[in-house]
Protein backbone atom coordinates (compact mmCIF):
# COMPACT_ATOMS: atom_id res chain seq x y z
CA MET A 1 78.69 -133.51 47.64
CA CYS A 2 76.54 -132.48 44.65
CA PRO A 3 72.87 -133.47 44.80
CA ILE A 4 71.73 -135.98 42.19
CA LEU A 5 69.26 -134.40 39.79
CA THR A 6 66.34 -136.25 38.29
CA GLU A 7 66.02 -136.55 34.52
CA ARG A 8 63.27 -133.92 34.52
CA GLU A 9 65.43 -131.48 36.49
CA VAL A 10 68.38 -132.07 34.16
CA ARG A 11 66.15 -131.39 31.16
CA PHE A 12 64.81 -128.23 32.81
CA MET A 13 68.34 -126.93 33.47
CA GLU A 14 69.26 -127.63 29.84
CA TRP A 15 66.35 -125.46 28.75
CA VAL A 16 67.41 -122.68 31.13
CA GLN A 17 70.95 -122.91 29.73
CA GLN A 18 69.62 -122.54 26.18
CA ILE A 19 67.55 -119.51 27.19
CA VAL A 20 70.67 -117.90 28.69
CA ASN A 21 72.64 -118.66 25.49
CA GLY A 22 69.77 -117.22 23.44
CA LEU A 23 69.95 -113.93 25.32
CA PHE A 24 73.65 -113.56 24.52
CA LEU A 25 73.10 -114.35 20.83
CA GLY A 26 70.04 -112.09 20.78
CA GLY A 27 72.18 -109.14 21.84
CA ILE A 28 74.14 -109.44 18.59
CA TYR A 29 70.99 -109.69 16.48
CA ALA A 30 69.56 -106.68 18.33
CA LEU A 31 72.60 -104.54 17.43
CA LEU A 32 72.24 -105.51 13.78
CA ALA A 33 68.47 -105.06 13.75
CA LEU A 34 68.83 -101.53 15.15
CA GLY A 35 70.81 -100.52 12.06
CA TYR A 36 68.13 -101.90 9.75
CA THR A 37 65.30 -100.23 11.62
CA MET A 38 66.96 -96.79 11.89
CA VAL A 39 67.74 -96.61 8.16
CA TYR A 40 64.27 -97.82 7.23
CA GLY A 41 62.67 -95.40 9.68
CA ILE A 42 64.42 -92.39 8.17
CA ILE A 43 64.52 -93.12 4.39
CA LYS A 44 62.32 -96.25 4.02
CA LEU A 45 65.22 -98.31 2.66
CA ILE A 46 66.04 -101.92 3.54
CA ASN A 47 69.84 -101.73 3.62
CA PHE A 48 70.78 -105.30 2.70
CA ALA A 49 74.46 -104.31 2.79
CA HIS A 50 74.14 -103.89 6.56
CA GLY A 51 75.15 -107.50 7.29
CA ASP A 52 78.31 -107.01 5.25
CA ILE A 53 79.27 -103.93 7.26
CA TYR A 54 79.01 -106.25 10.27
CA MET A 55 81.44 -108.59 8.48
CA VAL A 56 83.88 -105.76 7.68
CA GLY A 57 83.75 -104.68 11.32
CA ALA A 58 84.75 -108.20 12.38
CA PHE A 59 87.75 -108.13 10.00
CA MET A 60 88.77 -104.68 11.28
CA GLY A 61 88.67 -105.92 14.86
CA SER A 62 90.68 -109.01 13.96
CA PHE A 63 93.33 -106.92 12.18
CA LEU A 64 93.65 -104.43 15.04
CA ILE A 65 94.02 -107.16 17.65
CA SER A 66 96.37 -109.47 15.74
CA LYS A 67 98.48 -107.03 13.69
CA VAL A 68 98.37 -103.73 15.58
CA HIS A 69 98.31 -105.56 18.96
CA LEU A 70 95.60 -103.39 20.48
CA GLY A 71 93.42 -104.59 23.32
CA PHE A 72 89.91 -105.84 22.71
CA PHE A 73 87.98 -102.72 23.74
CA PRO A 74 90.20 -100.21 21.85
CA SER A 75 89.88 -102.48 18.79
CA LEU A 76 86.10 -102.60 19.28
CA ILE A 77 85.85 -98.79 19.39
CA ILE A 78 88.10 -98.27 16.34
CA ALA A 79 86.21 -100.96 14.39
CA MET A 80 82.96 -99.14 15.23
CA ILE A 81 84.43 -95.87 13.93
CA GLY A 82 85.70 -97.58 10.75
CA SER A 83 82.30 -99.22 10.18
CA ALA A 84 80.59 -95.87 10.70
CA ILE A 85 82.81 -94.27 8.06
CA LEU A 86 82.09 -97.15 5.66
CA GLY A 87 78.34 -96.71 6.23
CA VAL A 88 78.55 -92.98 5.46
CA VAL A 89 80.57 -93.62 2.28
CA ILE A 90 78.04 -96.22 1.08
CA GLU A 91 75.15 -93.85 1.76
CA PHE A 92 76.89 -90.98 -0.07
CA LEU A 93 77.98 -92.97 -3.13
CA ALA A 94 75.25 -95.58 -3.57
CA TYR A 95 72.03 -94.43 -1.88
CA ARG A 96 71.99 -90.63 -1.95
CA PRO A 97 71.89 -90.37 -5.78
CA LEU A 98 68.85 -92.69 -5.77
CA ARG A 99 66.93 -90.98 -2.98
CA LYS A 100 64.27 -89.62 -5.33
CA SER A 101 64.05 -92.80 -7.41
CA THR A 102 61.78 -95.80 -6.88
CA ARG A 103 62.19 -98.02 -3.84
CA ILE A 104 62.97 -101.04 -6.00
CA ALA A 105 65.95 -99.21 -7.54
CA ALA A 106 67.36 -98.46 -4.07
CA LEU A 107 66.70 -102.04 -2.95
CA ILE A 108 68.54 -103.52 -5.95
CA THR A 109 71.41 -101.12 -5.30
CA ALA A 110 71.58 -102.28 -1.68
CA ILE A 111 71.84 -105.89 -2.83
CA GLY A 112 74.55 -104.86 -5.31
CA VAL A 113 76.54 -103.09 -2.58
CA SER A 114 76.25 -106.24 -0.47
CA PHE A 115 77.74 -108.42 -3.23
CA LEU A 116 80.43 -105.81 -3.90
CA LEU A 117 81.62 -105.78 -0.28
CA GLU A 118 81.62 -109.58 -0.08
CA ASN A 119 83.60 -110.03 -3.28
CA LEU A 120 86.08 -107.28 -2.42
CA MET A 121 86.80 -109.01 0.89
CA ILE A 122 87.15 -112.38 -0.88
CA TYR A 123 89.53 -110.80 -3.41
CA PHE A 124 91.78 -109.22 -0.78
CA PHE A 125 91.55 -111.76 2.05
CA GLY A 126 90.45 -115.01 0.39
CA SER A 127 87.24 -116.95 0.95
CA GLN A 128 88.52 -119.26 3.66
CA THR A 129 87.40 -119.04 7.28
CA ARG A 130 90.03 -117.63 9.60
CA SER A 131 90.29 -117.64 13.37
CA PHE A 132 89.54 -114.51 15.37
CA PRO A 133 92.31 -113.64 17.84
CA GLN A 134 91.31 -114.38 21.42
CA ALA A 135 92.08 -111.04 23.04
CA ILE A 136 90.24 -112.06 26.21
CA GLU A 137 91.09 -115.22 28.11
CA LEU A 138 88.06 -117.47 28.32
CA LYS A 139 86.73 -118.09 31.84
CA GLN A 140 83.68 -120.10 32.82
CA PHE A 141 81.34 -119.24 35.67
CA HIS A 142 78.81 -121.60 37.18
CA VAL A 143 75.54 -120.48 38.72
CA GLY A 144 74.08 -123.74 39.94
CA ALA A 145 73.97 -125.94 36.86
CA ILE A 146 74.02 -122.92 34.50
CA GLN A 147 77.32 -122.21 32.78
CA VAL A 148 78.21 -118.70 31.59
CA SER A 149 81.51 -117.47 30.14
CA ASN A 150 83.11 -114.07 30.60
CA VAL A 151 82.91 -113.61 26.81
CA GLN A 152 79.14 -114.09 26.88
CA LEU A 153 78.83 -111.58 29.71
CA ILE A 154 80.96 -109.06 27.78
CA ILE A 155 78.72 -109.51 24.72
CA LEU A 156 75.49 -109.02 26.66
CA VAL A 157 76.71 -106.07 28.75
CA THR A 158 78.29 -104.33 25.73
CA SER A 159 75.14 -104.84 23.66
CA ILE A 160 72.90 -103.42 26.38
CA ILE A 161 75.20 -100.42 26.96
CA LEU A 162 75.25 -99.63 23.23
CA MET A 163 71.46 -99.92 23.00
CA ILE A 164 71.02 -97.58 25.98
CA LEU A 165 73.46 -95.07 24.45
CA LEU A 166 71.57 -95.23 21.16
CA GLN A 167 68.28 -94.56 22.92
CA LEU A 168 69.83 -91.58 24.74
CA ILE A 169 71.22 -90.17 21.48
CA VAL A 170 67.86 -90.48 19.73
CA LYS A 171 65.79 -89.09 22.61
CA LYS A 172 68.07 -86.51 24.25
CA THR A 173 70.38 -84.99 21.62
CA LYS A 174 69.78 -82.35 18.96
CA MET A 175 70.80 -84.79 16.22
CA GLY A 176 68.43 -87.38 17.65
CA LYS A 177 65.56 -84.90 17.43
CA ALA A 178 66.58 -84.16 13.85
CA MET A 179 66.52 -87.90 13.07
CA ARG A 180 62.99 -88.19 14.45
CA ALA A 181 61.86 -85.13 12.50
CA VAL A 182 63.30 -86.40 9.21
CA SER A 183 61.73 -89.82 9.76
CA VAL A 184 58.28 -88.18 10.09
CA ASP A 185 58.55 -85.72 7.18
CA SER A 186 61.89 -84.91 5.55
CA ASP A 187 60.51 -81.98 3.52
CA ALA A 188 59.00 -80.31 6.58
CA ALA A 189 62.21 -80.96 8.52
CA GLN A 190 64.21 -79.24 5.80
CA LEU A 191 61.89 -76.23 5.92
CA MET A 192 62.55 -76.05 9.67
CA GLY A 193 66.29 -75.69 9.00
CA ILE A 194 67.37 -79.30 9.54
CA ASN A 195 70.18 -80.53 7.29
CA VAL A 196 68.52 -83.68 5.93
CA ASN A 197 71.61 -85.06 4.19
CA ARG A 198 73.74 -84.72 7.32
CA THR A 199 71.02 -86.30 9.44
CA ILE A 200 70.69 -89.30 7.12
CA SER A 201 74.47 -89.73 7.02
CA PHE A 202 74.57 -89.64 10.82
CA THR A 203 71.88 -92.33 10.93
CA PHE A 204 73.93 -94.56 8.63
CA ALA A 205 77.03 -93.91 10.73
CA LEU A 206 75.21 -94.83 13.94
CA GLY A 207 73.67 -98.01 12.52
CA SER A 208 76.93 -99.09 10.89
CA ALA A 209 78.88 -98.54 14.11
CA LEU A 210 76.49 -100.89 15.92
CA ALA A 211 76.89 -103.46 13.13
CA GLY A 212 80.68 -103.22 13.40
CA ALA A 213 80.46 -103.77 17.15
CA GLY A 214 78.28 -106.82 16.55
CA GLY A 215 80.84 -108.22 14.12
CA VAL A 216 83.71 -107.89 16.59
CA LEU A 217 81.64 -109.41 19.41
CA ILE A 218 80.50 -112.39 17.33
CA GLY A 219 84.07 -112.97 16.13
CA LEU A 220 85.18 -113.16 19.74
CA TYR A 221 82.26 -115.47 20.58
CA TYR A 222 82.64 -117.98 17.74
CA ASN A 223 86.40 -117.50 17.21
CA SER A 224 86.01 -117.45 13.41
CA ILE A 225 85.30 -114.94 10.64
CA ASP A 226 84.91 -115.12 6.86
CA PRO A 227 83.79 -112.78 4.03
CA LEU A 228 80.31 -114.31 3.88
CA MET A 229 79.68 -114.31 7.64
CA GLY A 230 77.29 -111.34 7.40
CA VAL A 231 74.76 -112.90 5.01
CA THR A 232 72.75 -115.12 7.36
CA PRO A 233 72.98 -112.89 10.49
CA GLY A 234 72.02 -109.92 8.30
CA LEU A 235 68.86 -111.66 7.10
CA LYS A 236 68.01 -112.78 10.63
CA ALA A 237 68.51 -109.25 11.92
CA PHE A 238 66.12 -108.04 9.23
CA VAL A 239 63.60 -110.62 10.45
CA ALA A 240 64.18 -109.32 14.00
CA ALA A 241 63.52 -105.74 12.88
CA VAL A 242 60.27 -106.78 11.15
CA LEU A 243 59.27 -108.91 14.13
CA GLY A 244 59.69 -106.05 16.59
CA GLY A 245 58.22 -103.42 14.28
CA ILE A 246 60.54 -102.04 11.62
CA GLY A 247 61.27 -98.36 12.12
CA LEU A 248 60.98 -98.68 15.91
CA ILE A 249 64.19 -98.84 17.96
CA PRO A 250 62.72 -100.68 21.01
CA GLY A 251 61.01 -103.10 18.62
CA ALA A 252 64.30 -103.97 16.91
CA ALA A 253 65.93 -104.69 20.27
CA ILE A 254 63.06 -106.92 21.36
CA GLY A 255 63.01 -108.68 17.99
CA GLY A 256 66.74 -109.40 18.21
CA PHE A 257 66.43 -111.10 21.58
CA VAL A 258 63.36 -113.06 20.42
CA ILE A 259 65.22 -114.38 17.36
CA GLY A 260 68.22 -115.35 19.51
CA LEU A 261 65.94 -117.27 21.87
CA LEU A 262 64.11 -118.94 18.97
CA GLU A 263 67.40 -120.19 17.53
CA THR A 264 68.73 -121.68 20.73
CA LEU A 265 65.40 -123.21 21.76
CA THR A 266 65.06 -124.80 18.32
CA SER A 267 68.48 -126.37 18.87
CA ALA A 268 67.40 -127.48 22.35
CA ILE A 269 64.57 -129.61 20.96
CA GLY A 270 66.95 -131.35 18.56
CA LEU A 271 66.15 -129.34 15.41
CA SER A 272 69.42 -127.41 15.11
CA ASP A 273 69.58 -128.14 11.36
CA TYR A 274 66.28 -126.29 10.93
CA ARG A 275 66.88 -123.26 13.14
CA ASP A 276 67.28 -120.92 10.16
CA ALA A 277 64.06 -122.26 8.64
CA VAL A 278 62.24 -121.60 11.92
CA VAL A 279 63.40 -117.97 11.91
CA TYR A 280 62.19 -117.40 8.34
CA ALA A 281 58.92 -119.20 9.10
CA VAL A 282 58.40 -116.71 11.94
CA LEU A 283 58.89 -113.87 9.43
CA ILE A 284 56.18 -115.30 7.17
CA ILE A 285 53.79 -115.77 10.08
CA ILE A 286 54.40 -112.24 11.38
CA LEU A 287 53.80 -110.73 7.93
CA LEU A 288 50.55 -112.67 7.64
CA VAL A 289 49.22 -112.14 11.17
CA ARG A 290 50.72 -108.82 12.30
CA PRO A 291 52.61 -107.05 9.47
CA ALA A 292 53.44 -104.06 11.69
CA GLY A 293 55.35 -106.25 14.16
CA ILE A 294 55.13 -106.60 17.95
CA LEU A 295 55.30 -102.87 18.76
CA GLY A 296 54.20 -101.50 15.41
CA LYS A 297 50.83 -100.00 14.58
CA ASN A 298 48.98 -100.72 11.36
CA VAL A 299 48.81 -97.49 9.42
CA LYS A 300 46.97 -97.11 6.14
CA GLU A 301 49.05 -95.46 3.45
CA LYS A 302 47.42 -92.71 1.40
CA VAL A 303 47.60 -93.26 -2.32
């Protein structure tokens, strides 16, 4: 016989449930934010097309599962590879020619690439929302009054594994050391024999692969995808990167989880219609109070 909970206990368990949901959603935002922060850290570019790579990754995963009849994890890996290739192509064609130009020129180009990807997907696949194939049978687990699905667990575990692998690549591999060197001083890195172009391309590939993984995971979670699905999550992931300290990998991960928790807790207090506004309000507050973010350090730029 189940014990009868008081109204206060029921309300408390609802809050705990929302926190758990926020952690799962935050894992997706963290994957996206990592792409933003890596690209900014190495070439000081806000890649606003990043959210659309996330969208393309979701469509790749859907196609591989429904048409090629691959399992979820093989589809996830191939979608990550396809997204990585797309990121490298975008960097080579759109951003590399503008590397010595003003930041505003690169920023406008990034916005243009974003619109191009969205409209190409609308042209070829239509603008309507389509269902994402359920490659994994949904199962619910109960821990006390907390409900967790196997899909949520897959999202969280996959996100954490990918973040750990990214950290290992950056800290332990030769290419990771090259990425850190280029982010500090690309000219000095080139003098030391580092191939700057290859390093930047690798950074785009790595960030885009994480975005593609996020797209497949969110498609599985919400069971729907569309050509404009990357716009809002992309902006929120940018907020997460700024919140954690843009250019810092641990900061982006922390920012992603914080934004996920903010969203779900805003819904928990009955303001679900304003959850996006809350996220953007946090961005404004952070820029006013601590522009460098949670883990960032305020550094004066030399003129």
